[in-house]
Amino acid sequence: MIRGEYYSISDLTNLTGQSRSTVADVLVFLTEYGFVESVGANEPVFTKSQVKFSPGESINLLKCIANQ
């Protein structure tokens, strides 16, 4: 994802070659932890969050989640 660009679940499914349910699950996770933002109601679109996580912060967050 590129900051400032918007992607639907269908866009990301086509880009990644993953199933729609897999993409949706990943987007739920990324949205919940602030990596992406969901915009729109009927057909949500997603964009990279304006919050900038450093690689170290991202790793620490993922480690905390894995330990829950």
PDB file of N, CA and C in Angstrom:
ATOM      1  N   MET A   1       0.838  -1.189   0.000  1.00  0.00           N
ATOM      2  CA  MET A   1       0.000   0.000   0.000  1.00  0.00           C
ATOM      3  C   MET A   1       0.877   1.244   0.000  1.00  0.00           C
ATOM      4  N   ILE A   2       0.423   2.227  -0.694  1.00  0.00           N
ATOM      5  CA  ILE A   2       1.118   3.505  -0.752  1.00  0.00           C
ATOM      6  C   ILE A   2       0.268   4.536  -0.030  1.00  0.00           C
ATOM      7  N   ARG A   3       0.891   5.301   0.865  1.00  0.00           N
ATOM      8  CA  ARG A   3       0.165   6.321   1.620  1.00  0.00           C
ATOM      9  C   ARG A   3      -0.514   7.274   0.643  1.00  0.00           C
ATOM     10  N   GLY A   4      -1.782   7.588   0.893  1.00  0.00           N
ATOM     11  CA  GLY A   4      -2.526   8.515   0.052  1.00  0.00           C
ATOM     12  C   GLY A   4      -3.303   7.843  -1.063  1.00  0.00           C
ATOM     13  N   GLU A   5      -3.035   6.579  -1.336  1.00  0.00           N
ATOM     14  CA  GLU A   5      -3.810   5.836  -2.321  1.00  0.00           C
ATOM     15  C   GLU A   5      -4.841   4.987  -1.586  1.00  0.00           C
ATOM     16  N   TYR A   6      -5.976   4.755  -2.233  1.00  0.00           N
ATOM     17  CA  TYR A   6      -7.075   4.019  -1.621  1.00  0.00           C
ATOM     18  C   TYR A   6      -7.299   2.714  -2.362  1.00  0.00           C
ATOM     19  N   TYR A   7      -7.575   1.666  -1.596  1.00  0.00           N
ATOM     20  CA  TYR A   7      -7.750   0.335  -2.155  1.00  0.00           C
ATOM     21  C   TYR A   7      -9.012  -0.300  -1.581  1.00  0.00           C
ATOM     22  N   SER A   8      -9.809  -0.913  -2.433  1.00  0.00           N
ATOM     23  CA  SER A   8     -10.947  -1.691  -1.959  1.00  0.00           C
ATOM     24  C   SER A   8     -10.452  -3.105  -1.659  1.00  0.00           C
ATOM     25  N   ILE A   9     -11.305  -3.888  -1.012  1.00  0.00           N
ATOM     26  CA  ILE A   9     -10.945  -5.285  -0.763  1.00  0.00           C
ATOM     27  C   ILE A   9     -10.732  -5.996  -2.101  1.00  0.00           C
ATOM     28  N   SER A  10     -11.565  -5.681  -3.079  1.00  0.00           N
ATOM     29  CA  SER A  10     -11.405  -6.295  -4.413  1.00  0.00           C
ATOM     30  C   SER A  10     -10.062  -5.927  -5.038  1.00  0.00           C
ATOM     31  N   ASP A  11      -9.660  -4.657  -4.909  1.00  0.00           N
ATOM     32  CA  ASP A  11      -8.358  -4.228  -5.433  1.00  0.00           C
ATOM     33  C   ASP A  11      -7.233  -5.052  -4.814  1.00  0.00           C
ATOM     34  N   LEU A  12      -7.271  -5.176  -3.495  1.00  0.00           N
ATOM     35  CA  LEU A  12      -6.199  -5.884  -2.793  1.00  0.00           C
ATOM     36  C   LEU A  12      -6.230  -7.379  -3.075  1.00  0.00           C
ATOM     37  N   THR A  13      -7.428  -7.933  -3.262  1.00  0.00           N
ATOM     38  CA  THR A  13      -7.548  -9.344  -3.633  1.00  0.00           C
ATOM     39  C   THR A  13      -6.884  -9.574  -4.978  1.00  0.00           C
ATOM     40  N   ASN A  14      -7.155  -8.693  -5.931  1.00  0.00           N
ATOM     41  CA  ASN A  14      -6.555  -8.825  -7.267  1.00  0.00           C
ATOM     42  C   ASN A  14      -5.045  -8.608  -7.239  1.00  0.00           C
ATOM     43  N   LEU A  15      -4.581  -7.648  -6.438  1.00  0.00           N
ATOM     44  CA  LEU A  15      -3.147  -7.346  -6.367  1.00  0.00           C
ATOM     45  C   LEU A  15      -2.353  -8.474  -5.716  1.00  0.00           C
ATOM     46  N   THR A  16      -2.937  -9.103  -4.705  1.00  0.00           N
ATOM     47  CA  THR A  16      -2.188 -10.102  -3.937  1.00  0.00           C
ATOM     48  C   THR A  16      -2.408 -11.533  -4.393  1.00  0.00           C
ATOM     49  N   GLY A  17      -3.520 -11.774  -5.073  1.00  0.00           N
ATOM     50  CA  GLY A  17      -3.834 -13.143  -5.462  1.00  0.00           C
ATOM     51  C   GLY A  17      -4.369 -13.981  -4.313  1.00  0.00           C
ATOM     52  N   GLN A  18      -4.643 -13.350  -3.178  1.00  0.00           N
ATOM     53  CA  GLN A  18      -5.192 -14.046  -2.017  1.00  0.00           C
ATOM     54  C   GLN A  18      -6.715 -14.055  -2.095  1.00  0.00           C
ATOM     55  N   SER A  19      -7.340 -14.909  -1.302  1.00  0.00           N
ATOM     56  CA  SER A  19      -8.801 -14.960  -1.282  1.00  0.00           C
ATOM     57  C   SER A  19      -9.357 -13.694  -0.634  1.00  0.00           C
ATOM     58  N   ARG A  20     -10.588 -13.390  -0.971  1.00  0.00           N
ATOM     59  CA  ARG A  20     -11.252 -12.209  -0.411  1.00  0.00           C
ATOM     60  C   ARG A  20     -11.326 -12.301   1.120  1.00  0.00           C
ATOM     61  N   SER A  21     -11.615 -13.488   1.646  1.00  0.00           N
ATOM     62  CA  SER A  21     -11.726 -13.629   3.104  1.00  0.00           C
ATOM     63  C   SER A  21     -10.374 -13.428   3.789  1.00  0.00           C
ATOM     64  N   THR A  22      -9.295 -13.892   3.161  1.00  0.00           N
ATOM     65  CA  THR A  22      -7.956 -13.687   3.728  1.00  0.00           C
ATOM     66  C   THR A  22      -7.607 -12.209   3.749  1.00  0.00           C
ATOM     67  N   VAL A  23      -7.860 -11.524   2.637  1.00  0.00           N
ATOM     68  CA  VAL A  23      -7.588 -10.082   2.567  1.00  0.00           C
ATOM     69  C   VAL A  23      -8.421  -9.339   3.605  1.00  0.00           C
ATOM     70  N   ALA A  24      -9.683  -9.698   3.731  1.00  0.00           N
ATOM     71  CA  ALA A  24     -10.555  -9.039   4.710  1.00  0.00           C
ATOM     72  C   ALA A  24     -10.040  -9.251   6.127  1.00  0.00           C
ATOM     73  N   ASP A  25      -9.601 -10.464   6.446  1.00  0.00           N
ATOM     74  CA  ASP A  25      -9.058 -10.754   7.784  1.00  0.00           C
ATOM     75  C   ASP A  25      -7.815  -9.929   8.069  1.00  0.00           C
ATOM     76  N   VAL A  26      -6.934  -9.830   7.098  1.00  0.00           N
ATOM     77  CA  VAL A  26      -5.706  -9.045   7.269  1.00  0.00           C
ATOM     78  C   VAL A  26      -6.055  -7.569   7.458  1.00  0.00           C
ATOM     79  N   LEU A  27      -7.020  -7.070   6.688  1.00  0.00           N
ATOM     80  CA  LEU A  27      -7.411  -5.664   6.812  1.00  0.00           C
ATOM     81  C   LEU A  27      -8.033  -5.364   8.175  1.00  0.00           C
ATOM     82  N   VAL A  28      -8.799  -6.307   8.708  1.00  0.00           N
ATOM     83  CA  VAL A  28      -9.358  -6.127  10.059  1.00  0.00           C
ATOM     84  C   VAL A  28      -8.213  -5.964  11.056  1.00  0.00           C
ATOM     85  N   PHE A  29      -7.223  -6.829  10.967  1.00  0.00           N
ATOM     86  CA  PHE A  29      -6.058  -6.763  11.855  1.00  0.00           C
ATOM     87  C   PHE A  29      -5.315  -5.436  11.691  1.00  0.00           C
ATOM     88  N   LEU A  30      -4.997  -5.083  10.447  1.00  0.00           N
ATOM     89  CA  LEU A  30      -4.234  -3.861  10.193  1.00  0.00           C
ATOM     90  C   LEU A  30      -4.992  -2.614  10.627  1.00  0.00           C
ATOM     91  N   THR A  31      -6.305  -2.630  10.463  1.00  0.00           N
ATOM     92  CA  THR A  31      -7.130  -1.491  10.900  1.00  0.00           C
ATOM     93  C   THR A  31      -7.172  -1.409  12.421  1.00  0.00           C
ATOM     94  N   GLU A  32      -7.364  -2.557  13.057  1.00  0.00           N
ATOM     95  CA  GLU A  32      -7.456  -2.593  14.521  1.00  0.00           C
ATOM     96  C   GLU A  32      -6.196  -2.041  15.188  1.00  0.00           C
ATOM     97  N   TYR A  33      -5.040  -2.310  14.601  1.00  0.00           N
ATOM     98  CA  TYR A  33      -3.782  -1.881  15.207  1.00  0.00           C
ATOM     99  C   TYR A  33      -3.195  -0.618  14.595  1.00  0.00           C
ATOM    100  N   GLY A  34      -3.970   0.064  13.753  1.00  0.00           N
ATOM    101  CA  GLY A  34      -3.592   1.395  13.285  1.00  0.00           C
ATOM    102  C   GLY A  34      -2.651   1.471  12.097  1.00  0.00           C
ATOM    103  N   PHE A  35      -2.436   0.348  11.413  1.00  0.00           N
ATOM    104  CA  PHE A  35      -1.555   0.377  10.249  1.00  0.00           C
ATOM    105  C   PHE A  35      -2.258   0.937   9.016  1.00  0.00           C
ATOM    106  N   VAL A  36      -3.567   0.705   8.915  1.00  0.00           N
ATOM    107  CA  VAL A  36      -4.361   1.243   7.814  1.00  0.00           C
ATOM    108  C   VAL A  36      -5.623   1.878   8.381  1.00  0.00           C
ATOM    109  N   GLU A  37      -6.249   2.723   7.579  1.00  0.00           N
ATOM    110  CA  GLU A  37      -7.499   3.361   7.960  1.00  0.00           C
ATOM    111  C   GLU A  37      -8.572   2.936   6.973  1.00  0.00           C
ATOM    112  N   SER A  38      -9.761   2.676   7.496  1.00  0.00           N
ATOM    113  CA  SER A  38     -10.899   2.324   6.660  1.00  0.00           C
ATOM    114  C   SER A  38     -11.731   3.575   6.416  1.00  0.00           C
ATOM    115  N   VAL A  39     -12.095   3.787   5.157  1.00  0.00           N
ATOM    116  CA  VAL A  39     -12.889   4.949   4.765  1.00  0.00           C
ATOM    117  C   VAL A  39     -14.062   4.430   3.952  1.00  0.00           C
ATOM    118  N   GLY A  40     -15.241   4.970   4.178  1.00  0.00           N
ATOM    119  CA  GLY A  40     -16.402   4.543   3.410  1.00  0.00           C
ATOM    120  C   GLY A  40     -17.247   3.567   4.189  1.00  0.00           C
ATOM    121  N   ALA A  41     -18.509   3.484   3.828  1.00  0.00           N
ATOM    122  CA  ALA A  41     -19.437   2.639   4.571  1.00  0.00           C
ATOM    123  C   ALA A  41     -19.896   1.433   3.747  1.00  0.00           C
ATOM    124  N   ASN A  42     -20.469   1.682   2.574  1.00  0.00           N
ATOM    125  CA  ASN A  42     -21.006   0.571   1.773  1.00  0.00           C
ATOM    126  C   ASN A  42     -19.904  -0.355   1.299  1.00  0.00           C
ATOM    127  N   GLU A  43     -18.969   0.156   0.556  1.00  0.00           N
ATOM    128  CA  GLU A  43     -17.796  -0.601   0.095  1.00  0.00           C
ATOM    129  C   GLU A  43     -16.587   0.083   0.709  1.00  0.00           C
ATOM    130  N   PRO A  44     -16.126  -0.415   1.865  1.00  0.00           N
ATOM    131  CA  PRO A  44     -14.997   0.276   2.501  1.00  0.00           C
ATOM    132  C   PRO A  44     -13.752   0.262   1.622  1.00  0.00           C
ATOM    133  N   VAL A  45     -13.023   1.331   1.682  1.00  0.00           N
ATOM    134  CA  VAL A  45     -11.723   1.405   1.035  1.00  0.00           C
ATOM    135  C   VAL A  45     -10.695   1.678   2.122  1.00  0.00           C
ATOM    136  N   PHE A  46      -9.486   1.301   1.861  1.00  0.00           N
ATOM    137  CA  PHE A  46      -8.438   1.374   2.875  1.00  0.00           C
ATOM    138  C   PHE A  46      -7.263   2.161   2.345  1.00  0.00           C
ATOM    139  N   THR A  47      -6.608   2.859   3.266  1.00  0.00           N
ATOM    140  CA  THR A  47      -5.399   3.594   2.952  1.00  0.00           C
ATOM    141  C   THR A  47      -4.423   3.416   4.101  1.00  0.00           C
ATOM    142  N   LYS A  48      -3.160   3.595   3.811  1.00  0.00           N
ATOM    143  CA  LYS A  48      -2.140   3.518   4.844  1.00  0.00           C
ATOM    144  C   LYS A  48      -2.394   4.602   5.880  1.00  0.00           C
ATOM    145  N   SER A  49      -2.235   4.273   7.122  1.00  0.00           N
ATOM    146  CA  SER A  49      -2.443   5.217   8.215  1.00  0.00           C
ATOM    147  C   SER A  49      -1.433   6.351   8.157  1.00  0.00           C
ATOM    148  N   GLN A  50      -1.833   7.507   8.644  1.00  0.00           N
ATOM    149  CA  GLN A  50      -0.912   8.641   8.740  1.00  0.00           C
ATOM    150  C   GLN A  50       0.070   8.459   9.891  1.00  0.00           C
ATOM    151  N   VAL A  51      -0.246   7.542  10.804  1.00  0.00           N
ATOM    152  CA  VAL A  51       0.664   7.226  11.909  1.00  0.00           C
ATOM    153  C   VAL A  51       1.852   6.483  11.325  1.00  0.00           C
ATOM    154  N   LYS A  52       3.028   6.928  11.664  1.00  0.00           N
ATOM    155  CA  LYS A  52       4.236   6.301  11.125  1.00  0.00           C
ATOM    156  C   LYS A  52       4.862   5.412  12.196  1.00  0.00           C
ATOM    157  N   PHE A  53       4.803   4.121  11.954  1.00  0.00           N
ATOM    158  CA  PHE A  53       5.429   3.167  12.852  1.00  0.00           C
ATOM    159  C   PHE A  53       6.844   2.901  12.363  1.00  0.00           C
ATOM    160  N   SER A  54       7.788   2.938  13.288  1.00  0.00           N
ATOM    161  CA  SER A  54       9.149   2.549  12.909  1.00  0.00           C
ATOM    162  C   SER A  54       9.167   1.027  12.786  1.00  0.00           C
ATOM    163  N   PRO A  55      10.162   0.472  12.096  1.00  0.00           N
ATOM    164  CA  PRO A  55      10.238  -0.995  12.020  1.00  0.00           C
ATOM    165  C   PRO A  55      10.297  -1.641  13.403  1.00  0.00           C
ATOM    166  N   GLY A  56      11.027  -1.022  14.316  1.00  0.00           N
ATOM    167  CA  GLY A  56      11.123  -1.561  15.678  1.00  0.00           C
ATOM    168  C   GLY A  56       9.793  -1.545  16.400  1.00  0.00           C
ATOM    169  N   GLU A  57       9.038  -0.449  16.256  1.00  0.00           N
ATOM    170  CA  GLU A  57       7.717  -0.363  16.870  1.00  0.00           C
ATOM    171  C   GLU A  57       6.780  -1.423  16.296  1.00  0.00           C
ATOM    172  N   SER A  58       6.861  -1.624  15.006  1.00  0.00           N
ATOM    173  CA  SER A  58       6.018  -2.628  14.352  1.00  0.00           C
ATOM    174  C   SER A  58       6.340  -4.020  14.881  1.00  0.00           C
ATOM    175  N   ILE A  59       7.617  -4.334  15.003  1.00  0.00           N
ATOM    176  CA  ILE A  59       8.030  -5.638  15.504  1.00  0.00           C
ATOM    177  C   ILE A  59       7.569  -5.826  16.943  1.00  0.00           C
ATOM    178  N   ASN A  60       7.754  -4.808  17.777  1.00  0.00           N
ATOM    179  CA  ASN A  60       7.325  -4.902  19.180  1.00  0.00           C
ATOM    180  C   ASN A  60       5.819  -5.101  19.283  1.00  0.00           C
ATOM    181  N   LEU A  61       5.054  -4.402  18.467  1.00  0.00           N
ATOM    182  CA  LEU A  61       3.610  -4.563  18.482  1.00  0.00           C
ATOM    183  C   LEU A  61       3.234  -5.975  18.097  1.00  0.00           C
ATOM    184  N   LEU A  62       3.833  -6.496  17.043  1.00  0.00           N
ATOM    185  CA  LEU A  62       3.518  -7.855  16.608  1.00  0.00           C
ATOM    186  C   LEU A  62       3.921  -8.888  17.656  1.00  0.00           C
ATOM    187  N   LYS A  63       5.031  -8.679  18.351  1.00  0.00           N
ATOM    188  CA  LYS A  63       5.445  -9.585  19.413  1.00  0.00           C
ATOM    189  C   LYS A  63       4.430  -9.576  20.559  1.00  0.00           C
ATOM    190  N   CYS A  64       3.954  -8.382  20.922  1.00  0.00           N
ATOM    191  CA  CYS A  64       2.952  -8.276  21.990  1.00  0.00           C
ATOM    192  C   CYS A  64       1.672  -9.004  21.606  1.00  0.00           C
ATOM    193  N   ILE A  65       1.244  -8.847  20.369  1.00  0.00           N
ATOM    194  CA  ILE A  65       0.036  -9.508  19.903  1.00  0.00           C
ATOM    195  C   ILE A  65       0.224 -11.023  19.911  1.00  0.00           C
ATOM    196  N   ALA A  66       1.384 -11.482  19.484  1.00  0.00           N
ATOM    197  CA  ALA A  66       1.658 -12.913  19.426  1.00  0.00           C
ATOM    198  C   ALA A  66       1.666 -13.534  20.822  1.00  0.00           C
ATOM    199  N   ASN A  67       2.034 -12.763  21.829  1.00  0.00           N
ATOM    200  CA  ASN A  67       2.119 -13.266  23.194  1.00  0.00           C
ATOM    201  C   ASN A  67       0.793 -13.214  23.936  1.00  0.00           C
ATOM    202  N   GLN A  68      -0.239 -12.658  23.317  1.00  0.00           N
ATOM    203  CA  GLN A  68      -1.544 -12.559  23.996  1.00  0.00           C
ATOM    204  C   GLN A  68      -2.258 -13.878  23.974  1.00  0.00           C
TER     205      GLN A  68
END
